Amino acid sequence: MFSFTFLGEKSIGENILAAIGIRFPVMVISMILFIISAFIGHKYIENYGAKVGRNILEVEND
């Protein structure tokens, strides 16, 4: 969400990362967080939030 929501010329994610001093492309950080969330969703499959996340991941991979 933060990668695609713009505030001026920069996305909200870029503004947040600049404020805390991180200089990585927002898409790289978004992909890293997505991979981590997919791993957690598969590891804790009994959790309701993990089930929803797994279903979203399966829809995106189709």
Protein backbone atom coordinates (compact mmCIF):
# COMPACT_ATOMS: atom_id res chain seq x y z
CA MET A 1 0.00 0.00 0.00
CA PHE A 2 2.77 2.47 0.90
CA SER A 3 4.54 1.75 -2.38
CA PHE A 4 1.67 2.98 -4.52
CA THR A 5 0.08 5.78 -2.44
CA PHE A 6 1.68 9.07 -3.38
CA LEU A 7 2.00 12.25 -1.35
CA GLY A 8 3.47 14.88 -3.64
CA GLU A 9 6.24 13.46 -5.83
CA LYS A 10 7.25 10.64 -3.46
CA SER A 11 5.25 7.67 -2.25
CA ILE A 12 4.36 7.47 1.44
CA GLY A 13 6.82 4.60 1.84
CA GLU A 14 9.65 6.69 0.40
CA ASN A 15 8.82 9.51 2.82
CA ILE A 16 8.82 7.13 5.79
CA LEU A 17 12.09 5.48 4.74
CA ALA A 18 13.74 8.86 4.16
CA ALA A 19 12.63 10.00 7.62
CA ILE A 20 14.35 7.02 9.29
CA GLY A 21 17.40 7.19 7.02
CA ILE A 22 16.97 4.06 4.89
CA ARG A 23 18.05 4.47 1.26
CA PHE A 24 16.71 1.34 -0.50
CA PRO A 25 14.20 1.27 -3.35
CA VAL A 26 10.69 0.92 -1.92
CA MET A 27 9.86 -1.99 -4.24
CA VAL A 28 12.81 -4.01 -2.89
CA ILE A 29 11.64 -3.51 0.68
CA SER A 30 8.04 -4.33 -0.33
CA MET A 31 9.16 -7.60 -1.93
CA ILE A 32 11.24 -8.53 1.13
CA LEU A 33 8.26 -7.91 3.42
CA PHE A 34 5.99 -9.89 1.08
CA ILE A 35 8.36 -12.88 1.13
CA ILE A 36 8.60 -12.76 4.92
CA SER A 37 4.81 -12.59 5.27
CA ALA A 38 4.37 -15.51 2.85
CA PHE A 39 6.84 -17.59 4.88
CA ILE A 40 5.06 -16.76 8.16
CA GLY A 41 1.69 -17.58 6.56
CA HIS A 42 2.90 -21.03 5.54
CA LYS A 43 4.62 -21.71 8.87
CA TYR A 44 1.62 -20.80 11.05
CA ILE A 45 -1.09 -22.32 8.87
CA GLU A 46 -3.53 -22.84 11.79
CA ASN A 47 -3.71 -19.12 12.51
CA TYR A 48 -6.72 -17.34 10.96
CA GLY A 49 -4.62 -14.43 9.73
CA ALA A 50 -2.19 -16.91 8.20
CA LYS A 51 -5.05 -18.66 6.41
CA VAL A 52 -6.25 -15.38 4.94
CA GLY A 53 -2.69 -14.45 3.93
CA ARG A 54 -2.14 -17.87 2.33
CA ASN A 55 -5.37 -17.51 0.34
CA ILE A 56 -4.30 -14.08 -0.89
CA LEU A 57 -0.90 -15.46 -1.83
CA GLU A 58 -2.52 -18.32 -3.77
CA VAL A 59 -4.79 -15.88 -5.64
CA GLU A 60 -1.81 -13.70 -6.57
CA ASN A 61 0.18 -16.70 -7.82
CA ASP A 62 -2.62 -17.92 -10.12
